[in-house]
Amino acid sequence: MTMVPVMWSIWGALILILAVLYLYRSRLERDEEDQIFLDDSFNHVKSQQAAIIDKVNKIQPAFRVSMGLAGAATLFVIVYYVLDVVNQFK
């Protein structure tokens, strides 16, 4: 079995995971307000915004790890094909 299909499969899976996490985070952040001025009668809105921020903060480490893995896999694919081109000209 050659390495190329496995390499592309792993790369595709990592990109898919990254895209799903990005879309989920974007969906959560869509309902988040940047700046809110509330008095004490709007505590339910304040708690909703805090819950959104907590969910986004939980996703952030997984998003960063998947972004790093996808970047490393992309770099691996590029280096593989550069080395393949160099070896063909030897």
N, C-alpha and C. Protein backbone atom coordinates (compact mmCIF):
# COMPACT_ATOMS: atom_id res chain seq x y z
N MET A 1 0.84 -1.18 0.00
CA MET A 1 0.00 0.00 0.00
C MET A 1 0.88 1.24 0.00
N THR A 2 0.56 2.17 -0.85
CA THR A 2 1.36 3.38 -0.92
C THR A 2 0.95 4.36 0.18
N MET A 3 1.82 5.29 0.41
CA MET A 3 1.61 6.25 1.48
C MET A 3 0.70 7.39 1.06
N VAL A 4 0.59 7.67 -0.21
CA VAL A 4 -0.13 8.85 -0.68
C VAL A 4 -1.62 8.82 -0.31
N PRO A 5 -2.37 7.74 -0.55
CA PRO A 5 -3.79 7.76 -0.17
C PRO A 5 -4.00 7.92 1.34
N VAL A 6 -3.13 7.30 2.12
CA VAL A 6 -3.23 7.43 3.58
C VAL A 6 -2.94 8.87 3.99
N MET A 7 -1.93 9.45 3.40
CA MET A 7 -1.56 10.83 3.72
C MET A 7 -2.71 11.78 3.39
N TRP A 8 -3.32 11.63 2.21
CA TRP A 8 -4.42 12.50 1.82
C TRP A 8 -5.66 12.25 2.67
N SER A 9 -5.89 11.01 3.08
CA SER A 9 -7.03 10.69 3.93
C SER A 9 -6.90 11.35 5.30
N ILE A 10 -5.72 11.25 5.88
CA ILE A 10 -5.48 11.88 7.18
C ILE A 10 -5.61 13.39 7.05
N TRP A 11 -5.05 13.96 6.01
CA TRP A 11 -5.14 15.40 5.80
C TRP A 11 -6.60 15.83 5.65
N GLY A 12 -7.36 15.09 4.87
CA GLY A 12 -8.77 15.42 4.66
C GLY A 12 -9.58 15.33 5.95
N ALA A 13 -9.30 14.30 6.75
CA ALA A 13 -10.01 14.15 8.02
C ALA A 13 -9.69 15.30 8.97
N LEU A 14 -8.43 15.70 9.02
CA LEU A 14 -8.04 16.81 9.89
C LEU A 14 -8.67 18.13 9.44
N ILE A 15 -8.73 18.35 8.14
CA ILE A 15 -9.36 19.57 7.62
C ILE A 15 -10.86 19.55 7.89
N LEU A 16 -11.48 18.38 7.78
CA LEU A 16 -12.91 18.26 8.07
C LEU A 16 -13.20 18.55 9.54
N ILE A 17 -12.39 18.02 10.43
CA ILE A 17 -12.56 18.30 11.86
C ILE A 17 -12.39 19.79 12.14
N LEU A 18 -11.38 20.39 11.53
CA LEU A 18 -11.15 21.82 11.70
C LEU A 18 -12.34 22.63 11.20
N ALA A 19 -12.89 22.26 10.05
CA ALA A 19 -14.03 22.99 9.50
C ALA A 19 -15.26 22.85 10.39
N VAL A 20 -15.49 21.67 10.93
CA VAL A 20 -16.65 21.47 11.81
C VAL A 20 -16.50 22.30 13.09
N LEU A 21 -15.32 22.29 13.68
CA LEU A 21 -15.10 23.11 14.88
C LEU A 21 -15.22 24.59 14.58
N TYR A 22 -14.74 25.03 13.43
CA TYR A 22 -14.84 26.43 13.06
C TYR A 22 -16.31 26.84 12.86
N LEU A 23 -17.07 26.00 12.18
CA LEU A 23 -18.48 26.31 11.97
C LEU A 23 -19.26 26.33 13.28
N TYR A 24 -18.96 25.40 14.18
CA TYR A 24 -19.63 25.36 15.48
C TYR A 24 -19.29 26.61 16.29
N ARG A 25 -18.03 26.98 16.30
CA ARG A 25 -17.62 28.18 17.03
C ARG A 25 -18.25 29.43 16.44
N SER A 26 -18.32 29.50 15.12
CA SER A 26 -18.95 30.64 14.46
C SER A 26 -20.43 30.71 14.79
N ARG A 27 -21.07 29.55 14.87
CA ARG A 27 -22.50 29.50 15.21
C ARG A 27 -22.72 30.01 16.63
N LEU A 28 -21.83 29.64 17.55
CA LEU A 28 -21.95 30.12 18.92
C LEU A 28 -21.71 31.62 18.99
N GLU A 29 -20.70 32.10 18.29
CA GLU A 29 -20.34 33.52 18.36
C GLU A 29 -21.34 34.41 17.65
N ARG A 30 -22.19 33.82 16.83
CA ARG A 30 -23.19 34.63 16.12
C ARG A 30 -24.15 35.28 17.10
N ASP A 31 -24.47 34.60 18.20
CA ASP A 31 -25.41 35.12 19.18
C ASP A 31 -24.75 35.95 20.27
N GLU A 32 -23.44 36.07 20.21
CA GLU A 32 -22.71 36.82 21.24
C GLU A 32 -22.69 38.30 20.87
N GLU A 33 -22.92 39.12 21.87
CA GLU A 33 -22.86 40.57 21.69
C GLU A 33 -21.48 41.06 22.10
N ASP A 34 -20.97 42.05 21.37
CA ASP A 34 -19.65 42.58 21.71
C ASP A 34 -19.69 43.45 22.96
N GLN A 35 -20.74 44.26 23.06
CA GLN A 35 -20.82 45.18 24.19
C GLN A 35 -22.29 45.34 24.55
N ILE A 36 -22.60 45.15 25.82
CA ILE A 36 -23.97 45.26 26.29
C ILE A 36 -23.98 46.15 27.53
N PHE A 37 -24.93 47.06 27.55
CA PHE A 37 -25.13 47.90 28.73
C PHE A 37 -26.46 47.47 29.35
N LEU A 38 -26.39 46.80 30.48
CA LEU A 38 -27.58 46.25 31.12
C LEU A 38 -27.70 46.75 32.55
N ASP A 39 -28.95 46.92 32.96
CA ASP A 39 -29.16 47.18 34.37
C ASP A 39 -29.54 45.85 35.04
N ASP A 40 -29.92 45.90 36.28
CA ASP A 40 -30.15 44.69 37.04
C ASP A 40 -31.36 43.89 36.57
N SER A 41 -32.27 44.50 35.83
CA SER A 41 -33.47 43.79 35.40
C SER A 41 -33.19 42.84 34.22
N PHE A 42 -32.01 42.90 33.62
CA PHE A 42 -31.66 42.05 32.48
C PHE A 42 -30.61 41.01 32.83
N ASN A 43 -30.72 40.43 34.00
CA ASN A 43 -29.74 39.41 34.43
C ASN A 43 -29.81 38.16 33.57
N HIS A 44 -30.98 37.82 33.03
CA HIS A 44 -31.10 36.63 32.19
C HIS A 44 -30.30 36.78 30.90
N VAL A 45 -30.24 37.99 30.35
CA VAL A 45 -29.45 38.23 29.14
C VAL A 45 -27.96 38.13 29.47
N LYS A 46 -27.62 38.66 30.62
CA LYS A 46 -26.22 38.59 31.06
C LYS A 46 -25.79 37.14 31.26
N SER A 47 -26.65 36.30 31.84
CA SER A 47 -26.31 34.89 32.04
C SER A 47 -26.25 34.14 30.71
N GLN A 48 -27.11 34.51 29.75
CA GLN A 48 -27.05 33.89 28.42
C GLN A 48 -25.73 34.20 27.73
N GLN A 49 -25.29 35.43 27.82
CA GLN A 49 -24.03 35.82 27.22
C GLN A 49 -22.85 35.13 27.90
N ALA A 50 -22.92 34.96 29.21
CA ALA A 50 -21.86 34.25 29.94
C ALA A 50 -21.82 32.78 29.52
N ALA A 51 -22.98 32.18 29.29
CA ALA A 51 -23.02 30.79 28.85
C ALA A 51 -22.41 30.64 27.46
N ILE A 52 -22.67 31.59 26.58
CA ILE A 52 -22.09 31.56 25.24
C ILE A 52 -20.57 31.67 25.32
N ILE A 53 -20.09 32.56 26.14
CA ILE A 53 -18.64 32.74 26.30
C ILE A 53 -18.01 31.48 26.87
N ASP A 54 -18.67 30.82 27.82
CA ASP A 54 -18.14 29.57 28.38
C ASP A 54 -18.04 28.48 27.32
N LYS A 55 -19.05 28.37 26.47
CA LYS A 55 -19.02 27.36 25.40
C LYS A 55 -17.90 27.64 24.41
N VAL A 56 -17.74 28.90 24.05
CA VAL A 56 -16.68 29.27 23.10
C VAL A 56 -15.31 28.99 23.71
N ASN A 57 -15.16 29.28 24.99
CA ASN A 57 -13.88 29.03 25.66
C ASN A 57 -13.58 27.54 25.79
N LYS A 58 -14.61 26.70 25.87
CA LYS A 58 -14.39 25.25 25.91
C LYS A 58 -13.93 24.72 24.56
N ILE A 59 -14.41 25.30 23.48
CA ILE A 59 -14.08 24.85 22.13
C ILE A 59 -12.70 25.34 21.70
N GLN A 60 -12.26 26.46 22.23
CA GLN A 60 -11.03 27.11 21.76
C GLN A 60 -9.79 26.20 21.81
N PRO A 61 -9.53 25.45 22.89
CA PRO A 61 -8.33 24.59 22.88
C PRO A 61 -8.39 23.50 21.81
N ALA A 62 -9.56 22.88 21.63
CA ALA A 62 -9.69 21.86 20.59
C ALA A 62 -9.51 22.46 19.21
N PHE A 63 -10.00 23.67 19.02
CA PHE A 63 -9.84 24.36 17.74
C PHE A 63 -8.37 24.64 17.47
N ARG A 64 -7.65 25.10 18.48
CA ARG A 64 -6.22 25.39 18.29
C ARG A 64 -5.42 24.13 18.00
N VAL A 65 -5.72 23.04 18.70
CA VAL A 65 -5.02 21.78 18.46
C VAL A 65 -5.29 21.28 17.05
N SER A 66 -6.56 21.32 16.64
CA SER A 66 -6.89 20.85 15.28
C SER A 66 -6.28 21.75 14.22
N MET A 67 -6.18 23.05 14.49
CA MET A 67 -5.53 23.94 13.54
C MET A 67 -4.04 23.62 13.44
N GLY A 68 -3.41 23.32 14.55
CA GLY A 68 -1.99 22.93 14.53
C GLY A 68 -1.77 21.62 13.80
N LEU A 69 -2.63 20.64 14.06
CA LEU A 69 -2.50 19.35 13.38
C LEU A 69 -2.74 19.47 11.88
N ALA A 70 -3.74 20.27 11.50
CA ALA A 70 -4.01 20.47 10.08
C ALA A 70 -2.86 21.21 9.40
N GLY A 71 -2.27 22.16 10.11
CA GLY A 71 -1.11 22.87 9.57
C GLY A 71 0.08 21.95 9.40
N ALA A 72 0.31 21.09 10.39
CA ALA A 72 1.42 20.14 10.30
C ALA A 72 1.19 19.14 9.17
N ALA A 73 -0.04 18.68 9.01
CA ALA A 73 -0.34 17.74 7.93
C ALA A 73 -0.18 18.41 6.57
N THR A 74 -0.58 19.66 6.47
CA THR A 74 -0.41 20.40 5.21
C THR A 74 1.07 20.57 4.89
N LEU A 75 1.85 20.90 5.89
CA LEU A 75 3.29 21.03 5.70
C LEU A 75 3.91 19.70 5.29
N PHE A 76 3.46 18.60 5.88
CA PHE A 76 3.94 17.28 5.52
C PHE A 76 3.64 16.95 4.06
N VAL A 77 2.43 17.27 3.61
CA VAL A 77 2.04 17.01 2.22
C VAL A 77 2.92 17.83 1.26
N ILE A 78 3.14 19.09 1.59
CA ILE A 78 3.96 19.95 0.74
C ILE A 78 5.39 19.44 0.67
N VAL A 79 5.96 19.09 1.83
CA VAL A 79 7.34 18.59 1.86
C VAL A 79 7.44 17.27 1.10
N TYR A 80 6.44 16.41 1.20
CA TYR A 80 6.45 15.15 0.48
C TYR A 80 6.54 15.38 -1.02
N TYR A 81 5.72 16.29 -1.53
CA TYR A 81 5.72 16.52 -2.97
C TYR A 81 6.95 17.30 -3.44
N VAL A 82 7.49 18.17 -2.62
CA VAL A 82 8.73 18.86 -2.98
C VAL A 82 9.87 17.86 -3.07
N LEU A 83 9.94 16.97 -2.08
CA LEU A 83 10.98 15.94 -2.12
C LEU A 83 10.79 14.99 -3.30
N ASP A 84 9.56 14.71 -3.66
CA ASP A 84 9.28 13.86 -4.81
C ASP A 84 9.76 14.52 -6.10
N VAL A 85 9.53 15.83 -6.23
CA VAL A 85 10.00 16.55 -7.42
C VAL A 85 11.53 16.57 -7.44
N VAL A 86 12.15 16.81 -6.31
CA VAL A 86 13.62 16.85 -6.26
C VAL A 86 14.21 15.48 -6.62
N ASN A 87 13.59 14.42 -6.12
CA ASN A 87 14.10 13.07 -6.42
C ASN A 87 13.90 12.70 -7.89
N GLN A 88 12.90 13.25 -8.54
CA GLN A 88 12.69 12.96 -9.96
C GLN A 88 13.76 13.60 -10.84
N PHE A 89 14.33 14.71 -10.41
CA PHE A 89 15.35 15.38 -11.20
C PHE A 89 16.75 14.87 -10.90
N LYS A 90 16.92 13.94 -10.02
CA LYS A 90 18.26 13.39 -9.74
C LYS A 90 18.65 12.38 -10.78
